N, C-alpha and C. Protein backbone atom coordinates (compact mmCIF):
# COMPACT_ATOMS: atom_id res chain seq x y z
N UNK A 1 38.36 -70.14 25.57
CA UNK A 1 37.34 -69.48 24.96
C UNK A 1 36.92 -68.19 25.55
N UNK A 2 36.94 -67.92 26.93
CA UNK A 2 36.60 -66.75 27.48
C UNK A 2 37.65 -65.56 27.16
N UNK A 3 38.86 -66.03 26.89
CA UNK A 3 39.93 -65.06 26.53
C UNK A 3 39.65 -64.55 25.11
N UNK A 4 39.34 -65.36 24.13
CA UNK A 4 39.00 -64.97 22.79
C UNK A 4 37.62 -64.20 22.74
N UNK A 5 36.61 -64.49 23.64
CA UNK A 5 35.42 -63.64 23.68
C UNK A 5 35.76 -62.25 24.20
N UNK A 6 36.64 -62.27 25.10
CA UNK A 6 37.08 -60.83 25.67
C UNK A 6 37.73 -60.06 24.67
N UNK A 7 38.69 -60.61 23.89
CA UNK A 7 39.43 -60.01 22.81
C UNK A 7 38.39 -59.53 21.69
N UNK A 8 37.46 -60.28 21.40
CA UNK A 8 36.54 -59.82 20.39
C UNK A 8 35.75 -58.71 20.88
N UNK A 9 35.31 -58.75 22.04
CA UNK A 9 34.43 -57.64 22.73
C UNK A 9 35.18 -56.33 22.74
N UNK A 10 36.58 -56.45 23.12
CA UNK A 10 37.39 -55.28 22.98
C UNK A 10 37.67 -54.68 21.73
N UNK A 11 37.85 -55.53 20.81
CA UNK A 11 38.08 -55.00 19.37
C UNK A 11 36.80 -54.48 18.83
N UNK A 12 35.64 -55.09 19.18
CA UNK A 12 34.31 -54.61 18.71
C UNK A 12 34.04 -53.22 19.20
N UNK A 13 34.36 -53.19 20.56
CA UNK A 13 33.99 -51.83 21.30
C UNK A 13 34.91 -50.67 20.75
N UNK A 14 36.22 -50.91 20.42
CA UNK A 14 37.18 -50.01 19.88
C UNK A 14 36.55 -49.59 18.50
N UNK A 15 36.20 -50.50 17.74
CA UNK A 15 35.72 -50.22 16.47
C UNK A 15 34.50 -49.40 16.38
N UNK A 16 33.60 -49.78 17.33
CA UNK A 16 32.35 -49.09 17.58
C UNK A 16 32.54 -47.50 17.87
N UNK A 17 33.48 -47.41 18.83
CA UNK A 17 34.00 -46.02 19.33
C UNK A 17 34.42 -45.19 18.10
N UNK A 18 35.35 -45.78 17.31
CA UNK A 18 35.98 -45.20 16.27
C UNK A 18 34.95 -44.74 15.16
N UNK A 19 33.97 -45.61 14.92
CA UNK A 19 32.87 -45.41 13.89
C UNK A 19 31.97 -44.27 14.51
N UNK A 20 31.71 -44.27 15.69
CA UNK A 20 30.93 -43.29 16.24
C UNK A 20 31.54 -41.95 16.27
N UNK A 21 32.80 -41.81 16.49
CA UNK A 21 33.55 -40.55 16.43
C UNK A 21 33.63 -40.03 15.03
N UNK A 22 33.86 -41.02 14.05
CA UNK A 22 33.76 -40.55 12.63
C UNK A 22 32.53 -39.98 12.20
N UNK A 23 31.44 -40.65 12.53
CA UNK A 23 30.16 -40.16 12.11
C UNK A 23 29.87 -38.86 12.86
N UNK A 24 30.12 -38.65 14.13
CA UNK A 24 29.93 -37.40 14.77
C UNK A 24 30.70 -36.34 14.20
N UNK A 25 31.88 -36.51 13.88
CA UNK A 25 32.72 -35.55 13.17
C UNK A 25 32.23 -35.12 11.86
N UNK A 26 31.76 -36.05 11.04
CA UNK A 26 31.15 -35.67 9.76
C UNK A 26 29.77 -34.94 10.06
N UNK A 27 28.96 -35.29 10.90
CA UNK A 27 27.70 -34.61 11.08
C UNK A 27 27.98 -33.16 11.65
N UNK A 28 29.05 -32.97 12.53
CA UNK A 28 29.25 -31.56 12.97
C UNK A 28 30.20 -30.80 11.92
N UNK A 29 30.77 -31.41 10.95
CA UNK A 29 31.46 -30.51 10.05
C UNK A 29 30.90 -30.51 8.66
N UNK A 30 31.04 -31.55 8.00
CA UNK A 30 30.65 -31.48 6.55
C UNK A 30 29.10 -31.49 6.38
N UNK A 31 28.44 -32.26 7.14
CA UNK A 31 27.01 -32.34 6.97
C UNK A 31 26.28 -31.29 7.85
N UNK A 32 26.92 -30.35 8.54
CA UNK A 32 26.27 -29.37 9.20
C UNK A 32 25.38 -28.51 8.33
N UNK A 33 24.17 -28.27 8.67
CA UNK A 33 23.40 -27.55 7.66
C UNK A 33 23.99 -26.07 7.64
N UNK A 34 23.93 -25.47 6.29
CA UNK A 34 24.35 -24.20 6.14
C UNK A 34 23.16 -23.46 5.46
N UNK A 35 23.04 -22.19 5.77
CA UNK A 35 22.03 -21.27 5.29
C UNK A 35 22.12 -21.22 3.85
N UNK A 36 21.11 -21.25 3.02
CA UNK A 36 21.13 -20.88 1.59
C UNK A 36 21.44 -19.45 1.32
N UNK A 37 21.93 -19.15 0.15
CA UNK A 37 22.10 -17.78 -0.26
C UNK A 37 21.09 -17.50 -1.34
N UNK A 38 20.34 -16.46 -1.16
CA UNK A 38 19.30 -16.09 -1.97
C UNK A 38 19.54 -14.60 -2.51
N UNK A 39 19.52 -14.52 -3.79
CA UNK A 39 19.54 -13.15 -4.27
C UNK A 39 18.41 -12.83 -5.41
N UNK A 40 18.00 -11.61 -5.56
CA UNK A 40 16.79 -11.25 -6.34
C UNK A 40 17.32 -10.29 -7.34
N UNK A 41 16.86 -10.50 -8.58
CA UNK A 41 17.24 -9.55 -9.69
C UNK A 41 15.84 -8.97 -10.26
N UNK A 42 15.75 -7.66 -10.04
CA UNK A 42 14.58 -7.08 -10.56
C UNK A 42 15.03 -6.20 -11.75
N UNK A 43 14.08 -6.14 -12.72
CA UNK A 43 14.30 -5.24 -13.84
C UNK A 43 14.33 -3.85 -13.48
N UNK A 44 14.97 -2.92 -14.32
CA UNK A 44 14.89 -1.41 -14.08
C UNK A 44 13.45 -0.99 -14.57
N UNK A 45 12.94 -0.24 -13.80
CA UNK A 45 11.54 0.37 -14.18
C UNK A 45 11.54 1.93 -13.72
N UNK A 46 10.66 2.60 -14.55
CA UNK A 46 10.70 4.00 -14.30
C UNK A 46 9.32 4.43 -13.62
N UNK A 47 9.34 4.65 -12.34
CA UNK A 47 8.34 5.12 -11.65
C UNK A 47 7.66 6.60 -12.09
N UNK A 48 8.58 7.43 -12.74
CA UNK A 48 8.22 8.64 -13.30
C UNK A 48 7.60 8.66 -14.56
N UNK A 49 7.54 7.55 -15.20
CA UNK A 49 6.97 7.41 -16.68
C UNK A 49 5.61 7.81 -16.62
N UNK A 50 5.05 8.47 -17.79
CA UNK A 50 3.57 8.79 -17.70
C UNK A 50 2.76 7.49 -17.93
N UNK A 51 3.35 6.35 -18.44
CA UNK A 51 2.75 5.09 -18.61
C UNK A 51 2.55 4.23 -17.54
N UNK A 52 3.12 4.77 -16.21
CA UNK A 52 2.91 3.85 -15.16
C UNK A 52 1.51 3.67 -14.75
N UNK A 53 1.17 2.42 -14.33
CA UNK A 53 -0.23 2.13 -13.83
C UNK A 53 -0.29 1.78 -12.30
N UNK A 54 -1.37 1.95 -11.71
CA UNK A 54 -1.57 1.73 -10.31
C UNK A 54 -1.18 0.26 -9.83
N UNK A 55 -1.19 -0.56 -10.84
CA UNK A 55 -0.94 -2.01 -10.53
C UNK A 55 0.00 -2.58 -11.65
N UNK A 56 1.25 -3.04 -11.47
CA UNK A 56 2.11 -3.41 -12.46
C UNK A 56 2.70 -4.74 -12.12
N UNK A 57 3.02 -5.51 -13.24
CA UNK A 57 3.69 -6.69 -12.97
C UNK A 57 5.12 -6.69 -13.55
N UNK A 58 6.05 -7.08 -12.75
CA UNK A 58 7.49 -7.03 -13.13
C UNK A 58 7.95 -8.46 -13.06
N UNK A 59 8.63 -8.87 -14.23
CA UNK A 59 9.25 -10.19 -14.26
C UNK A 59 10.63 -10.06 -13.41
N UNK A 60 10.87 -11.24 -12.71
CA UNK A 60 12.01 -11.19 -11.72
C UNK A 60 12.65 -12.55 -11.76
N UNK A 61 14.10 -12.63 -11.17
CA UNK A 61 14.64 -13.83 -11.26
C UNK A 61 15.23 -13.97 -9.88
N UNK A 62 14.79 -15.06 -9.13
CA UNK A 62 15.31 -15.46 -7.79
C UNK A 62 16.41 -16.43 -7.92
N UNK A 63 17.56 -16.23 -7.50
CA UNK A 63 18.65 -17.15 -7.54
C UNK A 63 18.89 -17.83 -6.14
N UNK A 64 18.75 -19.11 -6.06
CA UNK A 64 18.92 -19.85 -4.86
C UNK A 64 20.22 -20.79 -4.87
N UNK A 65 21.21 -20.54 -3.93
CA UNK A 65 22.38 -21.41 -3.97
C UNK A 65 22.23 -22.20 -2.64
N UNK A 66 22.27 -23.52 -2.92
CA UNK A 66 22.19 -24.50 -1.85
C UNK A 66 23.64 -24.96 -1.36
N UNK A 67 24.22 -24.69 -0.43
CA UNK A 67 25.74 -25.10 -0.07
C UNK A 67 25.64 -26.44 0.49
N UNK A 68 24.57 -27.00 0.94
CA UNK A 68 24.41 -28.15 1.76
C UNK A 68 24.67 -29.52 0.80
N UNK A 69 24.85 -30.68 1.61
CA UNK A 69 24.94 -32.00 0.95
C UNK A 69 23.57 -32.57 0.81
N UNK A 70 22.57 -31.82 1.20
CA UNK A 70 21.27 -32.38 1.00
C UNK A 70 20.40 -31.43 0.18
N UNK A 71 19.44 -32.06 -0.58
CA UNK A 71 18.54 -31.25 -1.42
C UNK A 71 17.48 -30.54 -0.45
N UNK A 72 16.77 -29.65 -1.18
CA UNK A 72 15.70 -28.94 -0.44
C UNK A 72 14.55 -28.87 -1.42
N UNK A 73 13.35 -29.36 -1.08
CA UNK A 73 12.27 -29.28 -1.88
C UNK A 73 11.30 -28.53 -1.19
N UNK A 74 10.89 -27.37 -1.76
CA UNK A 74 9.92 -26.49 -0.98
C UNK A 74 8.54 -26.43 -1.95
N UNK A 75 7.48 -25.98 -1.22
CA UNK A 75 6.23 -25.84 -1.69
C UNK A 75 5.89 -24.61 -2.26
N UNK A 76 4.75 -24.45 -2.87
CA UNK A 76 4.32 -23.20 -3.45
C UNK A 76 4.20 -22.16 -2.32
N UNK A 77 4.59 -21.01 -2.53
CA UNK A 77 4.61 -20.04 -1.46
C UNK A 77 4.48 -18.63 -2.12
N UNK A 78 4.18 -17.66 -1.18
CA UNK A 78 3.97 -16.25 -1.65
C UNK A 78 5.03 -15.35 -0.93
N UNK A 79 5.74 -14.49 -1.41
CA UNK A 79 6.60 -13.55 -0.83
C UNK A 79 5.77 -12.22 -0.84
N UNK A 80 6.10 -11.43 0.12
CA UNK A 80 5.36 -10.08 0.26
C UNK A 80 6.39 -8.98 0.25
N UNK A 81 6.12 -7.88 -0.55
CA UNK A 81 6.86 -6.76 -0.41
C UNK A 81 6.23 -5.68 0.25
N UNK A 82 6.96 -5.03 1.24
CA UNK A 82 6.27 -4.06 1.99
C UNK A 82 7.09 -2.70 2.13
N UNK A 83 6.31 -1.73 2.30
CA UNK A 83 6.92 -0.47 2.42
C UNK A 83 6.25 0.30 3.64
N UNK A 84 7.17 0.39 4.71
CA UNK A 84 6.66 0.94 5.95
C UNK A 84 5.48 0.14 6.49
N UNK A 85 5.82 -1.21 6.54
CA UNK A 85 4.64 -1.96 7.01
C UNK A 85 3.28 -2.13 6.22
N UNK A 86 3.36 -1.64 5.03
CA UNK A 86 2.14 -1.64 4.17
C UNK A 86 2.68 -2.71 2.98
N UNK A 87 1.69 -3.64 2.68
CA UNK A 87 2.16 -4.49 1.67
C UNK A 87 1.83 -3.79 0.28
N UNK A 88 2.82 -3.83 -0.46
CA UNK A 88 2.77 -3.13 -1.84
C UNK A 88 3.05 -4.15 -3.03
N UNK A 89 3.33 -5.43 -2.69
CA UNK A 89 3.52 -6.32 -3.69
C UNK A 89 3.53 -7.79 -3.25
N UNK A 90 3.05 -8.60 -4.06
CA UNK A 90 3.05 -10.09 -3.93
C UNK A 90 4.01 -10.77 -5.00
N UNK A 91 4.71 -11.83 -4.50
CA UNK A 91 5.61 -12.48 -5.30
C UNK A 91 5.24 -14.06 -5.19
N UNK A 92 4.45 -14.58 -6.21
CA UNK A 92 4.16 -16.02 -6.03
C UNK A 92 5.50 -16.83 -6.54
N UNK A 93 5.72 -17.84 -5.78
CA UNK A 93 6.92 -18.68 -5.95
C UNK A 93 6.39 -20.20 -6.11
N UNK A 94 6.72 -20.78 -7.24
CA UNK A 94 6.19 -22.19 -7.43
C UNK A 94 7.24 -23.06 -6.87
N UNK A 95 6.67 -24.24 -6.49
CA UNK A 95 7.49 -25.31 -5.77
C UNK A 95 8.52 -25.94 -6.73
N UNK A 96 9.75 -26.16 -6.15
CA UNK A 96 10.77 -26.66 -6.90
C UNK A 96 11.91 -27.40 -5.90
N UNK A 97 12.79 -28.15 -6.59
CA UNK A 97 13.69 -28.82 -5.90
C UNK A 97 14.98 -28.15 -6.10
N UNK A 98 15.79 -27.86 -4.96
CA UNK A 98 16.99 -27.18 -5.09
C UNK A 98 18.05 -28.33 -4.84
N UNK A 99 18.73 -28.83 -5.76
CA UNK A 99 19.64 -30.02 -5.65
C UNK A 99 20.68 -29.66 -4.60
N UNK A 100 21.37 -30.57 -4.01
CA UNK A 100 22.50 -30.34 -3.16
C UNK A 100 23.55 -29.79 -3.79
N UNK A 101 24.19 -28.97 -3.18
CA UNK A 101 25.51 -28.08 -3.51
C UNK A 101 25.34 -27.55 -5.04
N UNK A 102 24.27 -26.95 -5.27
CA UNK A 102 23.96 -26.39 -6.66
C UNK A 102 23.17 -24.98 -6.47
N UNK A 103 23.07 -24.51 -7.66
CA UNK A 103 22.34 -23.21 -7.64
C UNK A 103 21.14 -23.37 -8.73
N UNK A 104 20.02 -22.74 -8.48
CA UNK A 104 18.96 -22.66 -9.39
C UNK A 104 18.46 -21.32 -9.68
N UNK A 105 17.86 -20.95 -10.85
CA UNK A 105 17.15 -19.64 -10.89
C UNK A 105 15.67 -19.98 -11.13
N UNK A 106 14.84 -19.06 -10.30
CA UNK A 106 13.53 -19.25 -10.27
C UNK A 106 12.95 -17.95 -10.93
N UNK A 107 12.23 -18.14 -12.00
CA UNK A 107 11.68 -17.06 -12.68
C UNK A 107 10.19 -16.96 -12.22
N UNK A 108 9.82 -15.63 -11.89
CA UNK A 108 8.46 -15.39 -11.36
C UNK A 108 8.17 -13.90 -11.75
N UNK A 109 6.87 -13.46 -11.42
CA UNK A 109 6.47 -12.17 -11.67
C UNK A 109 5.97 -11.65 -10.27
N UNK A 110 6.45 -10.49 -10.16
CA UNK A 110 6.02 -9.59 -8.96
C UNK A 110 4.92 -8.67 -9.25
N UNK A 111 3.86 -8.81 -8.63
CA UNK A 111 2.69 -8.02 -8.66
C UNK A 111 2.78 -6.75 -7.63
N UNK A 112 3.09 -5.55 -8.28
CA UNK A 112 3.25 -4.39 -7.44
C UNK A 112 1.99 -3.50 -7.45
N UNK A 113 1.49 -3.06 -6.38
CA UNK A 113 0.44 -2.08 -6.23
C UNK A 113 1.07 -0.82 -5.92
N UNK A 114 1.30 -0.07 -7.08
CA UNK A 114 1.99 1.24 -7.02
C UNK A 114 1.14 2.25 -6.48
N UNK A 115 -0.18 2.06 -6.58
CA UNK A 115 -1.00 2.96 -5.90
C UNK A 115 -0.84 3.05 -4.36
N UNK A 116 -0.76 1.78 -3.79
CA UNK A 116 -0.55 1.69 -2.35
C UNK A 116 0.88 2.34 -1.97
N UNK A 117 1.76 2.23 -2.72
CA UNK A 117 3.10 2.81 -2.52
C UNK A 117 2.95 4.30 -2.55
N UNK A 118 2.39 4.89 -3.50
CA UNK A 118 2.31 6.30 -3.74
C UNK A 118 1.46 6.99 -2.72
N UNK A 119 0.34 6.37 -2.35
CA UNK A 119 -0.53 6.84 -1.43
C UNK A 119 -0.02 6.89 -0.07
N UNK A 120 1.04 6.16 0.30
CA UNK A 120 1.59 6.12 1.69
C UNK A 120 2.09 7.58 1.94
N UNK A 121 1.73 8.15 3.03
CA UNK A 121 2.15 9.38 3.54
C UNK A 121 3.77 9.60 3.61
N UNK A 122 4.44 8.46 3.84
CA UNK A 122 5.93 8.51 4.07
C UNK A 122 6.53 8.46 2.71
N UNK A 123 5.88 8.19 1.66
CA UNK A 123 6.67 7.83 0.29
C UNK A 123 7.31 9.23 -0.19
N UNK A 124 6.68 10.35 -0.32
CA UNK A 124 7.18 11.53 -0.88
C UNK A 124 8.14 12.17 0.02
N UNK A 125 8.05 12.04 1.30
CA UNK A 125 9.06 12.55 2.22
C UNK A 125 10.33 11.74 2.13
N UNK A 126 10.26 10.47 1.95
CA UNK A 126 11.41 9.62 1.75
C UNK A 126 12.05 10.03 0.44
N UNK A 127 11.29 10.14 -0.59
CA UNK A 127 11.90 10.59 -1.90
C UNK A 127 12.66 11.88 -1.82
N UNK A 128 12.16 12.90 -1.24
CA UNK A 128 12.68 14.06 -1.02
C UNK A 128 13.89 14.14 -0.21
N UNK A 129 13.83 13.49 0.94
CA UNK A 129 14.83 13.29 1.92
C UNK A 129 16.14 12.43 1.47
N UNK A 130 15.76 11.40 0.71
CA UNK A 130 16.83 10.50 0.42
C UNK A 130 17.36 10.59 -0.95
N UNK A 131 17.06 11.67 -1.73
CA UNK A 131 17.60 11.78 -2.96
C UNK A 131 17.06 10.90 -4.07
N UNK A 132 15.72 10.88 -4.11
CA UNK A 132 15.05 10.01 -5.11
C UNK A 132 15.12 8.61 -4.83
N UNK A 133 15.43 8.21 -3.65
CA UNK A 133 15.60 6.71 -3.17
C UNK A 133 14.52 6.36 -2.18
N UNK A 134 13.90 5.16 -2.37
CA UNK A 134 13.11 4.72 -1.34
C UNK A 134 13.55 3.23 -1.15
N UNK A 135 13.17 2.62 0.01
CA UNK A 135 13.54 1.20 0.42
C UNK A 135 12.24 0.47 0.59
N UNK A 136 12.27 -0.75 0.18
CA UNK A 136 11.22 -1.79 0.33
C UNK A 136 11.87 -2.90 1.14
N UNK A 137 11.01 -3.78 1.73
CA UNK A 137 11.40 -5.03 2.29
C UNK A 137 10.56 -6.12 1.82
N UNK A 138 11.25 -7.21 1.35
CA UNK A 138 10.49 -8.46 0.90
C UNK A 138 10.81 -9.65 1.87
N UNK A 139 9.79 -10.28 2.31
CA UNK A 139 9.97 -11.53 3.23
C UNK A 139 9.25 -12.61 2.55
N UNK A 140 9.89 -13.84 2.75
CA UNK A 140 9.31 -14.97 2.21
C UNK A 140 9.65 -16.12 3.15
N UNK A 141 8.79 -17.11 3.22
CA UNK A 141 8.99 -18.35 4.01
C UNK A 141 8.69 -19.58 2.88
N UNK A 142 9.69 -20.37 2.82
CA UNK A 142 9.50 -21.50 1.93
C UNK A 142 9.45 -22.84 2.65
N UNK A 143 8.27 -23.38 3.00
CA UNK A 143 8.23 -24.66 3.68
C UNK A 143 8.63 -25.85 2.81
N UNK A 144 9.14 -26.77 3.35
CA UNK A 144 9.46 -27.82 2.49
C UNK A 144 10.14 -28.90 3.25
N UNK A 145 10.96 -29.78 2.55
CA UNK A 145 11.71 -30.87 3.16
C UNK A 145 13.18 -30.91 2.73
N UNK A 146 14.09 -31.15 3.64
CA UNK A 146 15.47 -31.34 3.34
C UNK A 146 15.67 -32.90 3.18
N UNK A 147 16.35 -33.17 1.99
CA UNK A 147 16.48 -34.54 1.67
C UNK A 147 17.95 -34.83 1.64
N UNK A 148 18.36 -35.87 2.47
CA UNK A 148 19.79 -36.17 2.53
C UNK A 148 19.91 -37.75 2.18
N UNK A 149 20.86 -37.98 1.24
CA UNK A 149 20.94 -39.41 0.74
C UNK A 149 19.77 -40.07 0.34
N UNK A 150 18.87 -39.33 -0.27
CA UNK A 150 17.44 -39.81 -1.02
C UNK A 150 16.65 -40.46 0.02
N UNK A 151 17.04 -40.63 1.22
CA UNK A 151 16.08 -41.41 2.04
C UNK A 151 15.81 -40.69 3.36
N UNK A 152 16.69 -39.92 3.84
CA UNK A 152 16.39 -39.15 5.00
C UNK A 152 15.69 -37.87 4.69
N UNK A 153 14.47 -37.67 5.10
CA UNK A 153 13.66 -36.57 4.85
C UNK A 153 13.27 -35.73 6.14
N UNK A 154 13.67 -34.36 6.29
CA UNK A 154 13.46 -33.75 7.47
C UNK A 154 12.77 -32.47 7.11
N UNK A 155 11.63 -32.07 7.87
CA UNK A 155 10.79 -30.87 7.45
C UNK A 155 11.60 -29.67 7.82
N UNK A 156 11.48 -28.69 6.96
CA UNK A 156 12.38 -27.43 7.22
C UNK A 156 11.73 -26.39 6.58
N UNK A 157 11.96 -25.06 7.01
CA UNK A 157 11.50 -23.90 6.39
C UNK A 157 12.60 -22.90 6.05
N UNK A 158 12.70 -22.48 4.86
CA UNK A 158 13.75 -21.44 4.47
C UNK A 158 13.13 -20.03 4.66
N UNK A 159 13.80 -19.15 5.42
CA UNK A 159 13.30 -17.85 5.52
C UNK A 159 14.25 -16.92 4.76
N UNK A 160 13.57 -15.92 4.15
CA UNK A 160 14.34 -14.96 3.36
C UNK A 160 13.82 -13.60 3.65
N UNK A 161 14.73 -12.65 3.84
CA UNK A 161 14.29 -11.26 3.96
C UNK A 161 15.27 -10.41 3.15
N UNK A 162 14.65 -9.66 2.29
CA UNK A 162 15.42 -8.82 1.39
C UNK A 162 15.21 -7.37 1.58
N UNK A 163 16.25 -6.47 1.60
CA UNK A 163 16.20 -5.12 1.63
C UNK A 163 16.42 -4.62 0.17
N UNK A 164 15.38 -3.95 -0.36
CA UNK A 164 15.53 -3.57 -1.81
C UNK A 164 15.45 -1.99 -1.74
N UNK A 165 16.53 -1.49 -2.44
CA UNK A 165 16.69 -0.06 -2.59
C UNK A 165 16.32 0.30 -3.99
N UNK A 166 15.44 1.17 -4.16
CA UNK A 166 14.90 1.66 -5.55
C UNK A 166 15.43 3.19 -5.72
N UNK A 167 16.19 3.47 -6.79
CA UNK A 167 16.75 4.77 -7.16
C UNK A 167 15.81 5.28 -8.31
N UNK A 168 14.89 6.21 -8.19
CA UNK A 168 14.11 6.62 -9.21
C UNK A 168 14.89 7.33 -10.36
N UNK A 169 15.83 8.05 -9.91
CA UNK A 169 16.70 8.91 -10.89
C UNK A 169 17.30 7.84 -11.99
N UNK A 170 18.03 6.93 -11.52
CA UNK A 170 18.71 6.07 -12.32
C UNK A 170 17.95 4.74 -12.67
N UNK A 171 16.75 4.67 -12.09
CA UNK A 171 15.85 3.46 -12.43
C UNK A 171 16.68 2.15 -11.93
N UNK A 172 17.57 2.44 -11.05
CA UNK A 172 18.50 1.24 -10.42
C UNK A 172 17.68 0.46 -9.27
N UNK A 173 17.75 -0.82 -9.24
CA UNK A 173 17.22 -1.51 -8.07
C UNK A 173 18.28 -2.45 -7.55
N UNK A 174 18.62 -2.25 -6.31
CA UNK A 174 19.56 -3.15 -5.65
C UNK A 174 18.92 -3.96 -4.49
N UNK A 175 19.35 -5.14 -4.29
CA UNK A 175 18.84 -5.89 -3.15
C UNK A 175 19.90 -6.64 -2.35
N UNK A 176 19.62 -6.71 -1.17
CA UNK A 176 20.46 -7.44 -0.14
C UNK A 176 19.58 -8.34 0.63
N UNK A 177 19.94 -9.71 0.45
CA UNK A 177 19.05 -10.73 1.12
C UNK A 177 19.78 -11.40 2.24
N UNK A 178 18.99 -11.72 3.36
CA UNK A 178 19.45 -12.53 4.35
C UNK A 178 18.63 -13.76 4.41
N UNK A 179 19.29 -14.96 4.51
CA UNK A 179 18.27 -16.10 4.47
C UNK A 179 18.88 -17.18 5.51
N UNK A 180 17.95 -18.02 6.07
CA UNK A 180 18.36 -18.94 6.98
C UNK A 180 17.39 -20.09 6.89
N UNK A 181 17.80 -21.34 7.33
CA UNK A 181 16.91 -22.45 7.28
C UNK A 181 16.75 -23.06 8.63
N UNK A 182 15.52 -23.45 9.08
CA UNK A 182 15.21 -24.12 10.29
C UNK A 182 14.56 -25.37 10.02
N UNK A 183 15.15 -26.32 10.85
CA UNK A 183 14.65 -27.74 10.63
C UNK A 183 13.71 -28.16 11.87
N UNK A 184 12.70 -29.03 11.52
CA UNK A 184 11.93 -29.50 12.63
C UNK A 184 11.96 -30.99 12.71
């Protein structure tokens, strides 16, 4: 009886060690959290148009790619567009669920305060020195929950910072976004 119990304990211990190694390997490789990829598409607009107003609303699309095996549900949030540390725009972002290993498009409106932009003393010197191009920065925090296997919920915040380059001559808008996620 003691020999059978000893054999059972050895086999159970080896099985437990193998299962632990497999679970740790999965957590450190496949289930390791990856930062989302966020891109912003702004429409072309003409700042030199005589119809431009001091406040304008532009429709925009934010694309969020979630490479993780867990979903992310974020709450309502507001992104801010700045020009040399002056807020020149607000972007309301409504809460949504970003499913695991998928991509969603979020349609929203950006409210720009063109008056704040043009009144900034650095604006006209940037336009002249950079060949009719000026740069904006957009920052957003999306608080929410990461959901793994429908039952495990962890608080998280997705941070996004975009560098936006606006070319007045061609009415082109280019953006480059860096995002990361932090778990609590």
